[in-house]
Amino acid sequence: MEQSFYDQVFELVRLIPKGRVTSYGAIAKSLGAGGSARMVGYAMSNASLAYPAIPAHRVVNSTGLLTGKFHFAEPNLMQELLEQEGVVVKNDKIQNFKQHFWDPLVEL
């Protein structure tokens, strides 16, 4: 049976190392669906239903903004989880974004 797009997204997100982040667009591109960042966003909005759990806090927009933070139980939870992994966040934006960026096309 072929995996759904959402399942492919979730599987890839589970591979993001602690202390690293990636973007919706990078995930889409690595799955052969460049230009489908919004579909990745839709998948991530359902991340709480995934089993096993996925580290949804490690997926941000292309500039490092925590655009998905309102999909967490508490709006500050995404930032708190990232900070627990050593990622500095100020004004909902990851500092030193390029240093923390994980590119699935390069690092898989």
PDB file of N, CA and C in Angstrom:
ATOM      1  N   MET A   1       0.837  -1.187   0.000  1.00  0.00           N
ATOM      2  CA  MET A   1       0.000   0.000   0.000  1.00  0.00           C
ATOM      3  C   MET A   1       0.879   1.247   0.000  1.00  0.00           C
ATOM      4  N   GLU A   2       0.542   2.188  -0.836  1.00  0.00           N
ATOM      5  CA  GLU A   2       1.312   3.423  -0.954  1.00  0.00           C
ATOM      6  C   GLU A   2       0.999   4.365   0.216  1.00  0.00           C
ATOM      7  N   GLN A   3       2.052   5.018   0.725  1.00  0.00           N
ATOM      8  CA  GLN A   3       1.879   5.971   1.824  1.00  0.00           C
ATOM      9  C   GLN A   3       1.172   7.225   1.334  1.00  0.00           C
ATOM     10  N   SER A   4       0.320   7.778   2.177  1.00  0.00           N
ATOM     11  CA  SER A   4      -0.306   9.052   1.835  1.00  0.00           C
ATOM     12  C   SER A   4       0.734  10.162   1.936  1.00  0.00           C
ATOM     13  N   PHE A   5       0.442  11.290   1.345  1.00  0.00           N
ATOM     14  CA  PHE A   5       1.357  12.444   1.422  1.00  0.00           C
ATOM     15  C   PHE A   5       1.586  12.827   2.878  1.00  0.00           C
ATOM     16  N   TYR A   6       0.524  12.847   3.666  1.00  0.00           N
ATOM     17  CA  TYR A   6       0.655  13.196   5.087  1.00  0.00           C
ATOM     18  C   TYR A   6       1.607  12.231   5.796  1.00  0.00           C
ATOM     19  N   ASP A   7       1.454  10.932   5.532  1.00  0.00           N
ATOM     20  CA  ASP A   7       2.334   9.947   6.158  1.00  0.00           C
ATOM     21  C   ASP A   7       3.787  10.147   5.737  1.00  0.00           C
ATOM     22  N   GLN A   8       4.005  10.503   4.488  1.00  0.00           N
ATOM     23  CA  GLN A   8       5.366  10.780   4.018  1.00  0.00           C
ATOM     24  C   GLN A   8       5.942  11.989   4.742  1.00  0.00           C
ATOM     25  N   VAL A   9       5.113  13.029   4.919  1.00  0.00           N
ATOM     26  CA  VAL A   9       5.551  14.224   5.652  1.00  0.00           C
ATOM     27  C   VAL A   9       5.914  13.841   7.077  1.00  0.00           C
ATOM     28  N   PHE A  10       5.040  13.098   7.740  1.00  0.00           N
ATOM     29  CA  PHE A  10       5.274  12.727   9.137  1.00  0.00           C
ATOM     30  C   PHE A  10       6.542  11.886   9.275  1.00  0.00           C
ATOM     31  N   GLU A  11       6.746  10.961   8.353  1.00  0.00           N
ATOM     32  CA  GLU A  11       7.935  10.110   8.398  1.00  0.00           C
ATOM     33  C   GLU A  11       9.209  10.958   8.282  1.00  0.00           C
ATOM     34  N   LEU A  12       9.187  11.928   7.392  1.00  0.00           N
ATOM     35  CA  LEU A  12      10.347  12.794   7.203  1.00  0.00           C
ATOM     36  C   LEU A  12      10.580  13.683   8.421  1.00  0.00           C
ATOM     37  N   VAL A  13       9.520  14.229   8.984  1.00  0.00           N
ATOM     38  CA  VAL A  13       9.656  15.106  10.156  1.00  0.00           C
ATOM     39  C   VAL A  13      10.249  14.340  11.340  1.00  0.00           C
ATOM     40  N   ARG A  14       9.935  13.067  11.455  1.00  0.00           N
ATOM     41  CA  ARG A  14      10.509  12.262  12.545  1.00  0.00           C
ATOM     42  C   ARG A  14      12.034  12.158  12.442  1.00  0.00           C
ATOM     43  N   LEU A  15      12.591  12.431  11.272  1.00  0.00           N
ATOM     44  CA  LEU A  15      14.035  12.325  11.056  1.00  0.00           C
ATOM     45  C   LEU A  15      14.801  13.603  11.411  1.00  0.00           C
ATOM     46  N   ILE A  16      14.094  14.702  11.639  1.00  0.00           N
ATOM     47  CA  ILE A  16      14.767  15.969  11.949  1.00  0.00           C
ATOM     48  C   ILE A  16      15.458  15.829  13.301  1.00  0.00           C
ATOM     49  N   PRO A  17      16.776  16.048  13.334  1.00  0.00           N
ATOM     50  CA  PRO A  17      17.502  15.885  14.608  1.00  0.00           C
ATOM     51  C   PRO A  17      17.128  16.953  15.641  1.00  0.00           C
ATOM     52  N   LYS A  18      17.303  16.618  16.912  1.00  0.00           N
ATOM     53  CA  LYS A  18      17.090  17.593  17.984  1.00  0.00           C
ATOM     54  C   LYS A  18      18.003  18.785  17.754  1.00  0.00           C
ATOM     55  N   GLY A  19      17.461  19.974  18.033  1.00  0.00           N
ATOM     56  CA  GLY A  19      18.241  21.190  17.879  1.00  0.00           C
ATOM     57  C   GLY A  19      18.331  21.695  16.451  1.00  0.00           C
ATOM     58  N   ARG A  20      17.625  21.053  15.536  1.00  0.00           N
ATOM     59  CA  ARG A  20      17.610  21.456  14.129  1.00  0.00           C
ATOM     60  C   ARG A  20      16.163  21.706  13.719  1.00  0.00           C
ATOM     61  N   VAL A  21      15.988  22.462  12.652  1.00  0.00           N
ATOM     62  CA  VAL A  21      14.658  22.751  12.118  1.00  0.00           C
ATOM     63  C   VAL A  21      14.702  22.656  10.603  1.00  0.00           C
ATOM     64  N   THR A  22      13.547  22.521  10.013  1.00  0.00           N
ATOM     65  CA  THR A  22      13.438  22.585   8.562  1.00  0.00           C
ATOM     66  C   THR A  22      12.176  23.366   8.220  1.00  0.00           C
ATOM     67  N   SER A  23      11.969  23.592   6.937  1.00  0.00           N
ATOM     68  CA  SER A  23      10.821  24.394   6.505  1.00  0.00           C
ATOM     69  C   SER A  23       9.800  23.535   5.777  1.00  0.00           C
ATOM     70  N   TYR A  24       8.604  24.067   5.696  1.00  0.00           N
ATOM     71  CA  TYR A  24       7.534  23.394   4.956  1.00  0.00           C
ATOM     72  C   TYR A  24       7.972  23.158   3.508  1.00  0.00           C
ATOM     73  N   GLY A  25       8.583  24.169   2.914  1.00  0.00           N
ATOM     74  CA  GLY A  25       9.028  24.068   1.521  1.00  0.00           C
ATOM     75  C   GLY A  25      10.120  23.037   1.312  1.00  0.00           C
ATOM     76  N   ALA A  26      11.062  22.951   2.254  1.00  0.00           N
ATOM     77  CA  ALA A  26      12.141  21.960   2.139  1.00  0.00           C
ATOM     78  C   ALA A  26      11.579  20.546   2.214  1.00  0.00           C
ATOM     79  N   ILE A  27      10.585  20.351   3.061  1.00  0.00           N
ATOM     80  CA  ILE A  27       9.943  19.034   3.149  1.00  0.00           C
ATOM     81  C   ILE A  27       9.248  18.714   1.832  1.00  0.00           C
ATOM     82  N   ALA A  28       8.477  19.664   1.315  1.00  0.00           N
ATOM     83  CA  ALA A  28       7.760  19.445   0.049  1.00  0.00           C
ATOM     84  C   ALA A  28       8.741  19.110  -1.077  1.00  0.00           C
ATOM     85  N   LYS A  29       9.802  19.878  -1.177  1.00  0.00           N
ATOM     86  CA  LYS A  29      10.789  19.656  -2.237  1.00  0.00           C
ATOM     87  C   LYS A  29      11.422  18.274  -2.115  1.00  0.00           C
ATOM     88  N   SER A  30      11.754  17.873  -0.900  1.00  0.00           N
ATOM     89  CA  SER A  30      12.403  16.574  -0.711  1.00  0.00           C
ATOM     90  C   SER A  30      11.468  15.406  -1.029  1.00  0.00           C
ATOM     91  N   LEU A  31      10.173  15.652  -0.967  1.00  0.00           N
ATOM     92  CA  LEU A  31       9.188  14.616  -1.302  1.00  0.00           C
ATOM     93  C   LEU A  31       8.783  14.666  -2.770  1.00  0.00           C
ATOM     94  N   GLY A  32       9.477  15.502  -3.553  1.00  0.00           N
ATOM     95  CA  GLY A  32       9.172  15.603  -4.970  1.00  0.00           C
ATOM     96  C   GLY A  32       7.934  16.427  -5.258  1.00  0.00           C
ATOM     97  N   ALA A  33       7.562  17.275  -4.312  1.00  0.00           N
ATOM     98  CA  ALA A  33       6.355  18.094  -4.459  1.00  0.00           C
ATOM     99  C   ALA A  33       6.691  19.563  -4.250  1.00  0.00           C
ATOM    100  N   GLY A  34       7.813  19.997  -4.840  1.00  0.00           N
ATOM    101  CA  GLY A  34       8.200  21.393  -4.727  1.00  0.00           C
ATOM    102  C   GLY A  34       7.033  22.298  -5.082  1.00  0.00           C
ATOM    103  N   GLY A  35       6.855  23.365  -4.341  1.00  0.00           N
ATOM    104  CA  GLY A  35       5.723  24.254  -4.563  1.00  0.00           C
ATOM    105  C   GLY A  35       4.497  23.849  -3.765  1.00  0.00           C
ATOM    106  N   SER A  36       4.619  22.788  -2.981  1.00  0.00           N
ATOM    107  CA  SER A  36       3.487  22.307  -2.181  1.00  0.00           C
ATOM    108  C   SER A  36       3.702  22.522  -0.687  1.00  0.00           C
ATOM    109  N   ALA A  37       4.390  23.595  -0.343  1.00  0.00           N
ATOM    110  CA  ALA A  37       4.644  23.892   1.070  1.00  0.00           C
ATOM    111  C   ALA A  37       3.342  23.998   1.845  1.00  0.00           C
ATOM    112  N   ARG A  38       2.325  24.537   1.221  1.00  0.00           N
ATOM    113  CA  ARG A  38       1.036  24.688   1.908  1.00  0.00           C
ATOM    114  C   ARG A  38       0.443  23.316   2.259  1.00  0.00           C
ATOM    115  N   MET A  39       0.613  22.346   1.384  1.00  0.00           N
ATOM    116  CA  MET A  39       0.121  20.988   1.676  1.00  0.00           C
ATOM    117  C   MET A  39       0.872  20.398   2.866  1.00  0.00           C
ATOM    118  N   VAL A  40       2.165  20.693   2.960  1.00  0.00           N
ATOM    119  CA  VAL A  40       2.933  20.242   4.127  1.00  0.00           C
ATOM    120  C   VAL A  40       2.360  20.909   5.377  1.00  0.00           C
ATOM    121  N   GLY A  41       2.026  22.182   5.266  1.00  0.00           N
ATOM    122  CA  GLY A  41       1.412  22.892   6.386  1.00  0.00           C
ATOM    123  C   GLY A  41       0.105  22.256   6.815  1.00  0.00           C
ATOM    124  N   TYR A  42      -0.711  21.858   5.841  1.00  0.00           N
ATOM    125  CA  TYR A  42      -1.968  21.179   6.168  1.00  0.00           C
ATOM    126  C   TYR A  42      -1.684  19.870   6.907  1.00  0.00           C
ATOM    127  N   ALA A  43      -0.682  19.134   6.418  1.00  0.00           N
ATOM    128  CA  ALA A  43      -0.313  17.883   7.086  1.00  0.00           C
ATOM    129  C   ALA A  43       0.130  18.159   8.514  1.00  0.00           C
ATOM    130  N   MET A  44       0.949  19.191   8.686  1.00  0.00           N
ATOM    131  CA  MET A  44       1.468  19.500  10.014  1.00  0.00           C
ATOM    132  C   MET A  44       0.359  19.942  10.964  1.00  0.00           C
ATOM    133  N   SER A  45      -0.705  20.526  10.435  1.00  0.00           N
ATOM    134  CA  SER A  45      -1.811  20.927  11.312  1.00  0.00           C
ATOM    135  C   SER A  45      -2.526  19.706  11.896  1.00  0.00           C
ATOM    136  N   ASN A  46      -2.262  18.538  11.313  1.00  0.00           N
ATOM    137  CA  ASN A  46      -2.830  17.284  11.820  1.00  0.00           C
ATOM    138  C   ASN A  46      -1.793  16.443  12.559  1.00  0.00           C
ATOM    139  N   ALA A  47      -0.649  17.024  12.837  1.00  0.00           N
ATOM    140  CA  ALA A  47       0.456  16.281  13.441  1.00  0.00           C
ATOM    141  C   ALA A  47       0.105  15.682  14.795  1.00  0.00           C
ATOM    142  N   SER A  48      -0.776  16.317  15.519  1.00  0.00           N
ATOM    143  CA  SER A  48      -1.125  15.798  16.849  1.00  0.00           C
ATOM    144  C   SER A  48      -1.826  14.447  16.771  1.00  0.00           C
ATOM    145  N   LEU A  49      -2.337  14.101  15.590  1.00  0.00           N
ATOM    146  CA  LEU A  49      -3.024  12.824  15.404  1.00  0.00           C
ATOM    147  C   LEU A  49      -2.066  11.701  15.016  1.00  0.00           C
ATOM    148  N   ALA A  50      -0.827  12.057  14.690  1.00  0.00           N
ATOM    149  CA  ALA A  50       0.134  11.073  14.192  1.00  0.00           C
ATOM    150  C   ALA A  50       0.633  10.156  15.299  1.00  0.00           C
ATOM    151  N   TYR A  51       0.843   8.896  14.931  1.00  0.00           N
ATOM    152  CA  TYR A  51       1.437   7.933  15.845  1.00  0.00           C
ATOM    153  C   TYR A  51       2.412   7.086  15.047  1.00  0.00           C
ATOM    154  N   PRO A  52       3.644   6.959  15.528  1.00  0.00           N
ATOM    155  CA  PRO A  52       4.183   7.598  16.727  1.00  0.00           C
ATOM    156  C   PRO A  52       4.254   9.118  16.579  1.00  0.00           C
ATOM    157  N   ALA A  53       4.405   9.780  17.718  1.00  0.00           N
ATOM    158  CA  ALA A  53       4.417  11.247  17.744  1.00  0.00           C
ATOM    159  C   ALA A  53       5.527  11.796  16.850  1.00  0.00           C
ATOM    160  N   ILE A  54       5.300  12.992  16.351  1.00  0.00           N
ATOM    161  CA  ILE A  54       6.322  13.641  15.530  1.00  0.00           C
ATOM    162  C   ILE A  54       6.743  14.960  16.176  1.00  0.00           C
ATOM    163  N   PRO A  55       7.991  15.382  15.953  1.00  0.00           N
ATOM    164  CA  PRO A  55       8.476  16.637  16.523  1.00  0.00           C
ATOM    165  C   PRO A  55       8.050  17.833  15.668  1.00  0.00           C
ATOM    166  N   ALA A  56       6.769  18.142  15.688  1.00  0.00           N
ATOM    167  CA  ALA A  56       6.214  19.195  14.838  1.00  0.00           C
ATOM    168  C   ALA A  56       6.832  20.560  15.115  1.00  0.00           C
ATOM    169  N   HIS A  57       7.359  20.751  16.316  1.00  0.00           N
ATOM    170  CA  HIS A  57       7.963  22.041  16.664  1.00  0.00           C
ATOM    171  C   HIS A  57       9.205  22.342  15.826  1.00  0.00           C
ATOM    172  N   ARG A  58       9.738  21.356  15.137  1.00  0.00           N
ATOM    173  CA  ARG A  58      10.947  21.539  14.330  1.00  0.00           C
ATOM    174  C   ARG A  58      10.651  21.955  12.897  1.00  0.00           C
ATOM    175  N   VAL A  59       9.390  22.242  12.578  1.00  0.00           N
ATOM    176  CA  VAL A  59       9.023  22.679  11.228  1.00  0.00           C
ATOM    177  C   VAL A  59       8.534  24.121  11.306  1.00  0.00           C
ATOM    178  N   VAL A  60       9.202  24.986  10.544  1.00  0.00           N
ATOM    179  CA  VAL A  60       8.922  26.424  10.557  1.00  0.00           C
ATOM    180  C   VAL A  60       8.803  26.925   9.120  1.00  0.00           C
ATOM    181  N   ASN A  61       8.556  28.218   8.956  1.00  0.00           N
ATOM    182  CA  ASN A  61       8.484  28.718   7.583  1.00  0.00           C
ATOM    183  C   ASN A  61       9.898  28.981   7.049  1.00  0.00           C
ATOM    184  N   SER A  62       9.992  29.423   5.819  1.00  0.00           N
ATOM    185  CA  SER A  62      11.291  29.538   5.140  1.00  0.00           C
ATOM    186  C   SER A  62      12.204  30.620   5.699  1.00  0.00           C
ATOM    187  N   THR A  63      11.684  31.477   6.570  1.00  0.00           N
ATOM    188  CA  THR A  63      12.531  32.500   7.187  1.00  0.00           C
ATOM    189  C   THR A  63      12.778  32.214   8.666  1.00  0.00           C
ATOM    190  N   GLY A  64      12.269  31.083   9.160  1.00  0.00           N
ATOM    191  CA  GLY A  64      12.480  30.714  10.546  1.00  0.00           C
ATOM    192  C   GLY A  64      11.397  31.174  11.498  1.00  0.00           C
ATOM    193  N   LEU A  65      10.282  31.653  10.967  1.00  0.00           N
ATOM    194  CA  LEU A  65       9.170  32.069  11.822  1.00  0.00           C
ATOM    195  C   LEU A  65       8.382  30.864  12.315  1.00  0.00           C
ATOM    196  N   LEU A  66       7.923  30.936  13.553  1.00  0.00           N
ATOM    197  CA  LEU A  66       7.136  29.862  14.156  1.00  0.00           C
ATOM    198  C   LEU A  66       5.670  29.993  13.740  1.00  0.00           C
ATOM    199  N   THR A  67       5.412  29.848  12.462  1.00  0.00           N
ATOM    200  CA  THR A  67       4.074  30.061  11.931  1.00  0.00           C
ATOM    201  C   THR A  67       3.076  29.001  12.372  1.00  0.00           C
ATOM    202  N   GLY A  68       3.548  27.847  12.833  1.00  0.00           N
ATOM    203  CA  GLY A  68       2.647  26.788  13.256  1.00  0.00           C
ATOM    204  C   GLY A  68       2.343  26.780  14.744  1.00  0.00           C
ATOM    205  N   LYS A  69       2.785  27.793  15.456  1.00  0.00           N
ATOM    206  CA  LYS A  69       2.692  27.767  16.922  1.00  0.00           C
ATOM    207  C   LYS A  69       1.259  27.697  17.453  1.00  0.00           C
ATOM    208  N   PHE A  70       0.300  28.164  16.698  1.00  0.00           N
ATOM    209  CA  PHE A  70      -1.079  28.155  17.185  1.00  0.00           C
ATOM    210  C   PHE A  70      -1.742  26.785  17.060  1.00  0.00           C
ATOM    211  N   HIS A  71      -1.034  25.832  16.473  1.00  0.00           N
ATOM    212  CA  HIS A  71      -1.549  24.467  16.379  1.00  0.00           C
ATOM    213  C   HIS A  71      -1.112  23.625  17.582  1.00  0.00           C
ATOM    214  N   PHE A  72      -0.384  24.231  18.496  1.00  0.00           N
ATOM    215  CA  PHE A  72       0.037  23.540  19.715  1.00  0.00           C
ATOM    216  C   PHE A  72      -0.965  23.835  20.829  1.00  0.00           C
ATOM    217  N   ALA A  73      -0.958  22.996  21.855  1.00  0.00           N
ATOM    218  CA  ALA A  73      -1.904  23.152  22.961  1.00  0.00           C
ATOM    219  C   ALA A  73      -1.808  24.539  23.589  1.00  0.00           C
ATOM    220  N   GLU A  74      -0.608  25.048  23.701  1.00  0.00           N
ATOM    221  CA  GLU A  74      -0.348  26.402  24.213  1.00  0.00           C
ATOM    222  C   GLU A  74       0.476  27.135  23.162  1.00  0.00           C
ATOM    223  N   PRO A  75       0.179  28.391  22.857  1.00  0.00           N
ATOM    224  CA  PRO A  75       0.915  29.121  21.807  1.00  0.00           C
ATOM    225  C   PRO A  75       2.424  29.226  22.047  1.00  0.00           C
ATOM    226  N   ASN A  76       2.866  29.147  23.303  1.00  0.00           N
ATOM    227  CA  ASN A  76       4.303  29.250  23.580  1.00  0.00           C
ATOM    228  C   ASN A  76       5.006  27.900  23.596  1.00  0.00           C
ATOM    229  N   LEU A  77       4.264  26.813  23.470  1.00  0.00           N
ATOM    230  CA  LEU A  77       4.851  25.481  23.574  1.00  0.00           C
ATOM    231  C   LEU A  77       5.879  25.214  22.478  1.00  0.00           C
ATOM    232  N   MET A  78       5.623  25.641  21.264  1.00  0.00           N
ATOM    233  CA  MET A  78       6.560  25.414  20.167  1.00  0.00           C
ATOM    234  C   MET A  78       7.915  26.047  20.496  1.00  0.00           C
ATOM    235  N   GLN A  79       7.888  27.293  20.943  1.00  0.00           N
ATOM    236  CA  GLN A  79       9.117  27.985  21.304  1.00  0.00           C
ATOM    237  C   GLN A  79       9.809  27.279  22.475  1.00  0.00           C
ATOM    238  N   GLU A  80       9.051  26.882  23.473  1.00  0.00           N
ATOM    239  CA  GLU A  80       9.624  26.218  24.643  1.00  0.00           C
ATOM    240  C   GLU A  80      10.324  24.914  24.258  1.00  0.00           C
ATOM    241  N   LEU A  81       9.700  24.139  23.382  1.00  0.00           N
ATOM    242  CA  LEU A  81      10.300  22.877  22.946  1.00  0.00           C
ATOM    243  C   LEU A  81      11.589  23.121  22.172  1.00  0.00           C
ATOM    244  N   LEU A  82      11.592  24.128  21.315  1.00  0.00           N
ATOM    245  CA  LEU A  82      12.809  24.460  20.568  1.00  0.00           C
ATOM    246  C   LEU A  82      13.912  24.925  21.511  1.00  0.00           C
ATOM    247  N   GLU A  83      13.565  25.761  22.464  1.00  0.00           N
ATOM    248  CA  GLU A  83      14.562  26.271  23.403  1.00  0.00           C
ATOM    249  C   GLU A  83      15.137  25.152  24.265  1.00  0.00           C
ATOM    250  N   GLN A  84      14.339  24.147  24.586  1.00  0.00           N
ATOM    251  CA  GLN A  84      14.840  22.990  25.333  1.00  0.00           C
ATOM    252  C   GLN A  84      15.898  22.230  24.534  1.00  0.00           C
ATOM    253  N   GLU A  85      15.870  22.395  23.222  1.00  0.00           N
ATOM    254  CA  GLU A  85      16.833  21.731  22.343  1.00  0.00           C
ATOM    255  C   GLU A  85      17.994  22.654  21.972  1.00  0.00           C
ATOM    256  N   GLY A  86      18.055  23.837  22.588  1.00  0.00           N
ATOM    257  CA  GLY A  86      19.161  24.749  22.353  1.00  0.00           C
ATOM    258  C   GLY A  86      18.963  25.746  21.228  1.00  0.00           C
ATOM    259  N   VAL A  87      17.756  25.832  20.699  1.00  0.00           N
ATOM    260  CA  VAL A  87      17.459  26.777  19.627  1.00  0.00           C
ATOM    261  C   VAL A  87      16.946  28.075  20.260  1.00  0.00           C
ATOM    262  N   VAL A  88      17.572  29.191  19.908  1.00  0.00           N
ATOM    263  CA  VAL A  88      17.169  30.486  20.455  1.00  0.00           C
ATOM    264  C   VAL A  88      16.080  31.083  19.566  1.00  0.00           C
ATOM    265  N   VAL A  89      14.979  31.507  20.213  1.00  0.00           N
ATOM    266  CA  VAL A  89      13.844  32.103  19.499  1.00  0.00           C
ATOM    267  C   VAL A  89      13.577  33.473  20.101  1.00  0.00           C
ATOM    268  N   LYS A  90      13.494  34.491  19.231  1.00  0.00           N
ATOM    269  CA  LYS A  90      13.133  35.839  19.662  1.00  0.00           C
ATOM    270  C   LYS A  90      12.054  36.371  18.734  1.00  0.00           C
ATOM    271  N   ASN A  91      11.004  36.910  19.331  1.00  0.00           N
ATOM    272  CA  ASN A  91       9.881  37.460  18.558  1.00  0.00           C
ATOM    273  C   ASN A  91       9.347  36.448  17.542  1.00  0.00           C
ATOM    274  N   ASP A  92       9.188  35.210  18.000  1.00  0.00           N
ATOM    275  CA  ASP A  92       8.657  34.118  17.176  1.00  0.00           C
ATOM    276  C   ASP A  92       9.541  33.750  15.990  1.00  0.00           C
ATOM    277  N   LYS A  93      10.822  34.099  16.029  1.00  0.00           N
ATOM    278  CA  LYS A  93      11.730  33.796  14.924  1.00  0.00           C
ATOM    279  C   LYS A  93      12.996  33.132  15.456  1.00  0.00           C
ATOM    280  N   ILE A  94      13.419  32.081  14.772  1.00  0.00           N
ATOM    281  CA  ILE A  94      14.632  31.366  15.157  1.00  0.00           C
ATOM    282  C   ILE A  94      15.840  32.231  14.844  1.00  0.00           C
ATOM    283  N   GLN A  95      16.696  32.382  15.826  1.00  0.00           N
ATOM    284  CA  GLN A  95      17.939  33.126  15.642  1.00  0.00           C
ATOM    285  C   GLN A  95      18.977  32.177  15.037  1.00  0.00           C
ATOM    286  N   ASN A  96      19.836  32.708  14.185  1.00  0.00           N
ATOM    287  CA  ASN A  96      20.832  31.883  13.484  1.00  0.00           C
ATOM    288  C   ASN A  96      20.156  30.734  12.734  1.00  0.00           C
ATOM    289  N   PHE A  97      19.108  31.088  12.017  1.00  0.00           N
ATOM    290  CA  PHE A  97      18.277  30.091  11.328  1.00  0.00           C
ATOM    291  C   PHE A  97      19.111  29.181  10.427  1.00  0.00           C
ATOM    292  N   LYS A  98      20.022  29.741   9.652  1.00  0.00           N
ATOM    293  CA  LYS A  98      20.812  28.915   8.719  1.00  0.00           C
ATOM    294  C   LYS A  98      21.646  27.884   9.464  1.00  0.00           C
ATOM    295  N   GLN A  99      22.116  28.229  10.639  1.00  0.00           N
ATOM    296  CA  GLN A  99      22.919  27.309  11.449  1.00  0.00           C
ATOM    297  C   GLN A  99      22.088  26.115  11.923  1.00  0.00           C
ATOM    298  N   HIS A 100      20.823  26.328  12.186  1.00  0.00           N
ATOM    299  CA  HIS A 100      19.946  25.277  12.696  1.00  0.00           C
ATOM    300  C   HIS A 100      19.183  24.549  11.593  1.00  0.00           C
ATOM    301  N   PHE A 101      19.243  25.083  10.367  1.00  0.00           N
ATOM    302  CA  PHE A 101      18.434  24.529   9.275  1.00  0.00           C
ATOM    303  C   PHE A 101      18.919  23.142   8.863  1.00  0.00           C
ATOM    304  N   TRP A 102      17.985  22.214   8.773  1.00  0.00           N
ATOM    305  CA  TRP A 102      18.247  20.835   8.341  1.00  0.00           C
ATOM    306  C   TRP A 102      17.600  20.658   6.981  1.00  0.00           C
ATOM    307  N   ASP A 103      18.423  20.403   5.959  1.00  0.00           N
ATOM    308  CA  ASP A 103      17.916  20.234   4.595  1.00  0.00           C
ATOM    309  C   ASP A 103      17.812  18.736   4.301  1.00  0.00           C
ATOM    310  N   PRO A 104      16.606  18.225   4.207  1.00  0.00           N
ATOM    311  CA  PRO A 104      16.456  16.778   3.976  1.00  0.00           C
ATOM    312  C   PRO A 104      17.049  16.298   2.655  1.00  0.00           C
ATOM    313  N   LEU A 105      17.183  17.172   1.677  1.00  0.00           N
ATOM    314  CA  LEU A 105      17.782  16.751   0.400  1.00  0.00           C
ATOM    315  C   LEU A 105      19.293  16.564   0.543  1.00  0.00           C
ATOM    316  N   VAL A 106      19.903  17.257   1.472  1.00  0.00           N
ATOM    317  CA  VAL A 106      21.359  17.201   1.648  1.00  0.00           C
ATOM    318  C   VAL A 106      21.743  16.235   2.761  1.00  0.00           C
ATOM    319  N   GLU A 107      20.948  16.219   3.823  1.00  0.00           N
ATOM    320  CA  GLU A 107      21.372  15.529   5.036  1.00  0.00           C
ATOM    321  C   GLU A 107      20.714  14.181   5.274  1.00  0.00           C
ATOM    322  N   LEU A 108      19.972  13.686   4.313  1.00  0.00           N
ATOM    323  CA  LEU A 108      19.372  12.345   4.489  1.00  0.00           C
ATOM    324  C   LEU A 108      20.313  11.285   3.978  1.00  0.00           C
TER     325      LEU A 108
END
